[in-house]
Amino acid sequence: MKKAFRIKKNEEFSKLIAQKHSFAFNEYIIYAAKRKEDKARFGISVSKKIGKAYVRNKVKRQLRMMIQEEIDFYEYEYDIIVIVRQKYLENDYLTNKKSLAKALKKVTII
């Protein structure tokens, strides 16, 4: 996923979370807001409770890849923040990918 499609700044994370449009799933908590730019952007947050730095980095790399495969950034209507839960580590990559796809589709319904 290119850097242009990422939410990096703490201010942007705070603004999205403050809008309180959240969806809870077993593996993720997703915050969504209508995009204001010409492309959708995604932010990923992985807590230290998930594991050490190499585990958190692996999870973020996997999520970026899943999002890149699932979403067309110019057609998707929302800016998204994905917060990873502990249950993510219990599942394999394909299960997590299917769960993320379902979650992102549920967000588009609202």
N, C-alpha and C. Protein backbone atom coordinates (compact mmCIF):
# COMPACT_ATOMS: atom_id res chain seq x y z
N MET A 1 0.84 -1.16 0.00
CA MET A 1 0.00 0.00 0.00
C MET A 1 0.89 1.24 0.00
N LYS A 2 0.65 2.14 -0.92
CA LYS A 2 1.47 3.33 -1.03
C LYS A 2 1.23 4.27 0.15
N LYS A 3 2.24 5.09 0.44
CA LYS A 3 2.14 6.00 1.57
C LYS A 3 1.05 7.04 1.39
N ALA A 4 0.71 7.34 0.15
CA ALA A 4 -0.35 8.32 -0.11
C ALA A 4 -1.71 7.82 0.38
N PHE A 5 -1.85 6.51 0.55
CA PHE A 5 -3.12 5.92 0.98
C PHE A 5 -3.15 5.64 2.48
N ARG A 6 -2.18 6.14 3.23
CA ARG A 6 -2.09 5.86 4.66
C ARG A 6 -2.43 7.08 5.50
N ILE A 7 -3.00 6.82 6.65
CA ILE A 7 -3.18 7.85 7.66
C ILE A 7 -2.05 7.65 8.65
N LYS A 8 -1.23 8.67 8.83
CA LYS A 8 -0.05 8.53 9.67
C LYS A 8 -0.08 9.42 10.92
N LYS A 9 -0.66 10.60 10.80
CA LYS A 9 -0.57 11.58 11.87
C LYS A 9 -1.56 11.30 12.99
N ASN A 10 -1.12 11.57 14.20
CA ASN A 10 -1.95 11.35 15.38
C ASN A 10 -3.22 12.20 15.32
N GLU A 11 -3.12 13.41 14.80
CA GLU A 11 -4.28 14.29 14.68
C GLU A 11 -5.36 13.66 13.81
N GLU A 12 -4.95 13.07 12.71
CA GLU A 12 -5.91 12.44 11.80
C GLU A 12 -6.57 11.23 12.45
N PHE A 13 -5.78 10.44 13.19
CA PHE A 13 -6.34 9.31 13.92
C PHE A 13 -7.39 9.82 14.92
N SER A 14 -7.05 10.86 15.66
CA SER A 14 -7.95 11.40 16.68
C SER A 14 -9.24 11.92 16.08
N LYS A 15 -9.15 12.61 14.95
CA LYS A 15 -10.35 13.13 14.30
C LYS A 15 -11.29 12.02 13.85
N LEU A 16 -10.72 10.98 13.27
CA LEU A 16 -11.55 9.86 12.82
C LEU A 16 -12.20 9.14 13.99
N ILE A 17 -11.44 8.91 15.04
CA ILE A 17 -11.98 8.20 16.20
C ILE A 17 -13.02 9.05 16.91
N ALA A 18 -12.85 10.36 16.93
CA ALA A 18 -13.80 11.26 17.59
C ALA A 18 -15.17 11.27 16.92
N GLN A 19 -15.23 10.91 15.65
CA GLN A 19 -16.52 10.86 14.95
C GLN A 19 -17.38 9.69 15.40
N LYS A 20 -16.79 8.72 16.05
CA LYS A 20 -17.49 7.61 16.71
C LYS A 20 -18.35 6.75 15.79
N HIS A 21 -17.88 6.54 14.58
CA HIS A 21 -18.52 5.57 13.69
C HIS A 21 -17.65 4.32 13.73
N SER A 22 -17.92 3.46 14.71
CA SER A 22 -17.05 2.30 14.89
C SER A 22 -17.83 1.01 14.68
N PHE A 23 -17.08 -0.02 14.31
CA PHE A 23 -17.62 -1.35 14.09
C PHE A 23 -16.69 -2.33 14.77
N ALA A 24 -17.21 -3.20 15.61
CA ALA A 24 -16.37 -4.15 16.34
C ALA A 24 -16.54 -5.55 15.75
N PHE A 25 -15.43 -6.21 15.55
CA PHE A 25 -15.39 -7.58 15.05
C PHE A 25 -14.43 -8.36 15.94
N ASN A 26 -14.36 -9.67 15.75
CA ASN A 26 -13.48 -10.48 16.59
C ASN A 26 -12.02 -10.08 16.47
N GLU A 27 -11.56 -9.83 15.26
CA GLU A 27 -10.15 -9.55 15.02
C GLU A 27 -9.83 -8.07 14.95
N TYR A 28 -10.84 -7.21 14.71
CA TYR A 28 -10.59 -5.80 14.44
C TYR A 28 -11.63 -4.92 15.11
N ILE A 29 -11.24 -3.68 15.31
CA ILE A 29 -12.17 -2.58 15.55
C ILE A 29 -11.92 -1.60 14.41
N ILE A 30 -12.98 -1.21 13.74
CA ILE A 30 -12.84 -0.34 12.57
C ILE A 30 -13.58 0.96 12.81
N TYR A 31 -12.87 2.07 12.59
CA TYR A 31 -13.47 3.40 12.63
C TYR A 31 -13.53 3.91 11.20
N ALA A 32 -14.68 4.47 10.83
CA ALA A 32 -14.86 4.92 9.45
C ALA A 32 -15.43 6.32 9.40
N ALA A 33 -15.06 7.05 8.37
CA ALA A 33 -15.62 8.37 8.10
C ALA A 33 -15.58 8.59 6.59
N LYS A 34 -16.53 9.35 6.09
CA LYS A 34 -16.52 9.68 4.66
C LYS A 34 -15.21 10.36 4.32
N ARG A 35 -14.64 9.98 3.20
CA ARG A 35 -13.36 10.57 2.80
C ARG A 35 -13.56 12.01 2.34
N LYS A 36 -12.53 12.80 2.56
CA LYS A 36 -12.56 14.21 2.15
C LYS A 36 -11.65 14.47 0.97
N GLU A 37 -10.78 13.53 0.67
CA GLU A 37 -9.85 13.68 -0.45
C GLU A 37 -10.35 12.84 -1.63
N ASP A 38 -9.58 12.81 -2.70
CA ASP A 38 -9.98 12.07 -3.88
C ASP A 38 -9.69 10.58 -3.79
N LYS A 39 -9.08 10.16 -2.69
CA LYS A 39 -8.76 8.74 -2.51
C LYS A 39 -9.02 8.34 -1.07
N ALA A 40 -9.32 7.07 -0.87
CA ALA A 40 -9.51 6.54 0.48
C ALA A 40 -8.15 6.36 1.15
N ARG A 41 -8.13 6.53 2.47
CA ARG A 41 -6.89 6.35 3.22
C ARG A 41 -7.15 5.42 4.39
N PHE A 42 -6.12 4.68 4.76
CA PHE A 42 -6.24 3.70 5.84
C PHE A 42 -5.16 3.93 6.88
N GLY A 43 -5.54 3.74 8.14
CA GLY A 43 -4.58 3.77 9.24
C GLY A 43 -4.65 2.46 9.97
N ILE A 44 -3.52 2.00 10.46
CA ILE A 44 -3.44 0.72 11.16
C ILE A 44 -2.82 0.97 12.53
N SER A 45 -3.47 0.43 13.55
CA SER A 45 -2.96 0.56 14.91
C SER A 45 -2.86 -0.83 15.53
N VAL A 46 -1.66 -1.13 16.04
CA VAL A 46 -1.43 -2.42 16.69
C VAL A 46 -0.85 -2.14 18.07
N SER A 47 -1.55 -2.57 19.09
CA SER A 47 -1.15 -2.30 20.47
C SER A 47 0.05 -3.14 20.89
N LYS A 48 0.75 -2.68 21.91
CA LYS A 48 1.87 -3.45 22.45
C LYS A 48 1.39 -4.74 23.10
N LYS A 49 0.11 -4.83 23.41
CA LYS A 49 -0.45 -6.06 23.97
C LYS A 49 -0.41 -7.21 22.97
N ILE A 50 -0.35 -6.89 21.70
CA ILE A 50 -0.33 -7.91 20.64
C ILE A 50 0.98 -8.69 20.67
N GLY A 51 2.08 -8.01 20.95
CA GLY A 51 3.36 -8.71 20.98
C GLY A 51 4.52 -7.74 20.86
N LYS A 52 5.69 -8.33 20.69
CA LYS A 52 6.89 -7.51 20.55
C LYS A 52 6.90 -6.83 19.19
N ALA A 53 7.90 -5.98 18.97
CA ALA A 53 7.94 -5.13 17.78
C ALA A 53 7.90 -5.93 16.49
N TYR A 54 8.61 -7.04 16.42
CA TYR A 54 8.63 -7.81 15.16
C TYR A 54 7.27 -8.42 14.88
N VAL A 55 6.51 -8.77 15.91
CA VAL A 55 5.16 -9.31 15.72
C VAL A 55 4.23 -8.20 15.24
N ARG A 56 4.30 -7.04 15.87
CA ARG A 56 3.45 -5.91 15.48
C ARG A 56 3.75 -5.47 14.04
N ASN A 57 5.02 -5.45 13.67
CA ASN A 57 5.39 -5.08 12.30
C ASN A 57 4.88 -6.10 11.29
N LYS A 58 4.94 -7.37 11.64
CA LYS A 58 4.43 -8.42 10.76
C LYS A 58 2.92 -8.24 10.55
N VAL A 59 2.21 -7.98 11.63
CA VAL A 59 0.76 -7.78 11.55
C VAL A 59 0.44 -6.58 10.66
N LYS A 60 1.17 -5.48 10.83
CA LYS A 60 0.93 -4.29 10.00
C LYS A 60 1.22 -4.57 8.53
N ARG A 61 2.30 -5.30 8.24
CA ARG A 61 2.62 -5.64 6.84
C ARG A 61 1.51 -6.48 6.24
N GLN A 62 1.03 -7.47 7.02
CA GLN A 62 -0.05 -8.32 6.53
C GLN A 62 -1.31 -7.50 6.25
N LEU A 63 -1.66 -6.64 7.17
CA LEU A 63 -2.87 -5.83 6.98
C LEU A 63 -2.76 -4.91 5.77
N ARG A 64 -1.61 -4.29 5.59
CA ARG A 64 -1.43 -3.43 4.42
C ARG A 64 -1.62 -4.23 3.13
N MET A 65 -1.10 -5.44 3.11
CA MET A 65 -1.24 -6.29 1.93
C MET A 65 -2.70 -6.69 1.71
N MET A 66 -3.39 -7.05 2.79
CA MET A 66 -4.80 -7.42 2.67
C MET A 66 -5.63 -6.27 2.13
N ILE A 67 -5.40 -5.09 2.68
CA ILE A 67 -6.15 -3.91 2.25
C ILE A 67 -5.86 -3.60 0.80
N GLN A 68 -4.61 -3.68 0.41
CA GLN A 68 -4.22 -3.40 -0.98
C GLN A 68 -4.91 -4.35 -1.95
N GLU A 69 -5.06 -5.62 -1.55
CA GLU A 69 -5.70 -6.60 -2.43
C GLU A 69 -7.22 -6.45 -2.47
N GLU A 70 -7.83 -5.95 -1.40
CA GLU A 70 -9.28 -5.88 -1.30
C GLU A 70 -9.88 -4.59 -1.84
N ILE A 71 -9.16 -3.48 -1.76
CA ILE A 71 -9.75 -2.17 -1.96
C ILE A 71 -9.18 -1.47 -3.19
N ASP A 72 -10.08 -0.80 -3.92
CA ASP A 72 -9.66 0.17 -4.93
C ASP A 72 -9.74 1.53 -4.25
N PHE A 73 -8.61 2.15 -4.00
CA PHE A 73 -8.54 3.34 -3.16
C PHE A 73 -9.27 4.55 -3.76
N TYR A 74 -9.43 4.57 -5.06
CA TYR A 74 -10.09 5.70 -5.69
C TYR A 74 -11.61 5.55 -5.73
N GLU A 75 -12.11 4.34 -5.54
CA GLU A 75 -13.55 4.12 -5.57
C GLU A 75 -14.14 3.94 -4.17
N TYR A 76 -13.33 3.50 -3.21
CA TYR A 76 -13.82 3.28 -1.85
C TYR A 76 -14.16 4.63 -1.21
N GLU A 77 -15.28 4.72 -0.52
CA GLU A 77 -15.82 6.01 -0.09
C GLU A 77 -15.40 6.45 1.31
N TYR A 78 -14.63 5.66 2.02
CA TYR A 78 -14.36 5.95 3.42
C TYR A 78 -12.87 6.01 3.73
N ASP A 79 -12.55 6.81 4.75
CA ASP A 79 -11.25 6.73 5.40
C ASP A 79 -11.44 5.78 6.57
N ILE A 80 -10.49 4.88 6.76
CA ILE A 80 -10.65 3.79 7.73
C ILE A 80 -9.45 3.74 8.67
N ILE A 81 -9.73 3.43 9.94
CA ILE A 81 -8.69 3.08 10.90
C ILE A 81 -8.99 1.66 11.37
N VAL A 82 -8.01 0.80 11.28
CA VAL A 82 -8.14 -0.59 11.72
C VAL A 82 -7.30 -0.77 12.98
N ILE A 83 -7.95 -1.16 14.06
CA ILE A 83 -7.25 -1.47 15.31
C ILE A 83 -7.31 -2.99 15.47
N VAL A 84 -6.16 -3.58 15.65
CA VAL A 84 -6.05 -5.04 15.70
C VAL A 84 -6.29 -5.53 17.12
N ARG A 85 -7.07 -6.60 17.24
CA ARG A 85 -7.34 -7.24 18.52
C ARG A 85 -6.48 -8.50 18.68
N GLN A 86 -6.43 -9.01 19.89
CA GLN A 86 -5.61 -10.18 20.21
C GLN A 86 -6.03 -11.42 19.41
N LYS A 87 -7.30 -11.55 19.11
CA LYS A 87 -7.83 -12.70 18.37
C LYS A 87 -7.18 -12.85 16.98
N TYR A 88 -6.64 -11.76 16.45
CA TYR A 88 -5.99 -11.78 15.14
C TYR A 88 -4.87 -12.81 15.11
N LEU A 89 -4.12 -12.92 16.18
CA LEU A 89 -2.96 -13.83 16.22
C LEU A 89 -3.37 -15.31 16.25
N GLU A 90 -4.59 -15.58 16.67
CA GLU A 90 -5.05 -16.97 16.77
C GLU A 90 -5.45 -17.55 15.42
N ASN A 91 -5.74 -16.69 14.45
CA ASN A 91 -6.18 -17.15 13.14
C ASN A 91 -5.05 -17.10 12.13
N ASP A 92 -5.23 -17.83 11.01
CA ASP A 92 -4.24 -17.78 9.95
C ASP A 92 -4.53 -16.60 9.01
N TYR A 93 -3.64 -16.40 8.07
CA TYR A 93 -3.71 -15.24 7.17
C TYR A 93 -5.01 -15.21 6.37
N LEU A 94 -5.41 -16.33 5.79
CA LEU A 94 -6.61 -16.35 4.95
C LEU A 94 -7.88 -16.07 5.76
N THR A 95 -7.95 -16.60 6.96
CA THR A 95 -9.12 -16.34 7.82
C THR A 95 -9.19 -14.86 8.16
N ASN A 96 -8.04 -14.26 8.49
CA ASN A 96 -8.02 -12.84 8.82
C ASN A 96 -8.38 -12.00 7.60
N LYS A 97 -7.94 -12.43 6.42
CA LYS A 97 -8.24 -11.69 5.20
C LYS A 97 -9.74 -11.72 4.90
N LYS A 98 -10.36 -12.88 5.05
CA LYS A 98 -11.81 -12.99 4.84
C LYS A 98 -12.58 -12.15 5.84
N SER A 99 -12.12 -12.17 7.07
CA SER A 99 -12.76 -11.37 8.12
C SER A 99 -12.66 -9.87 7.81
N LEU A 100 -11.50 -9.44 7.34
CA LEU A 100 -11.33 -8.03 6.98
C LEU A 100 -12.22 -7.66 5.80
N ALA A 101 -12.33 -8.54 4.82
CA ALA A 101 -13.19 -8.26 3.67
C ALA A 101 -14.64 -8.10 4.10
N LYS A 102 -15.11 -8.98 4.99
CA LYS A 102 -16.47 -8.86 5.51
C LYS A 102 -16.65 -7.55 6.27
N ALA A 103 -15.66 -7.22 7.07
CA ALA A 103 -15.73 -6.00 7.87
C ALA A 103 -15.80 -4.77 6.97
N LEU A 104 -14.98 -4.72 5.95
CA LEU A 104 -14.98 -3.56 5.05
C LEU A 104 -16.27 -3.46 4.26
N LYS A 105 -16.88 -4.59 3.92
CA LYS A 105 -18.17 -4.57 3.23
C LYS A 105 -19.26 -4.07 4.16
N LYS A 106 -19.20 -4.46 5.42
CA LYS A 106 -20.19 -4.00 6.38
C LYS A 106 -20.09 -2.49 6.58
N VAL A 107 -18.88 -1.97 6.54
CA VAL A 107 -18.70 -0.52 6.68
C VAL A 107 -19.34 0.20 5.50
N THR A 108 -19.26 -0.36 4.31
CA THR A 108 -19.81 0.32 3.13
C THR A 108 -21.33 0.31 3.13
N ILE A 109 -21.95 -0.58 3.88
CA ILE A 109 -23.42 -0.63 3.95
C ILE A 109 -23.95 0.59 4.69
N ILE A 110 -23.23 1.02 5.69
CA ILE A 110 -23.70 2.12 6.54
C ILE A 110 -23.61 3.45 5.80
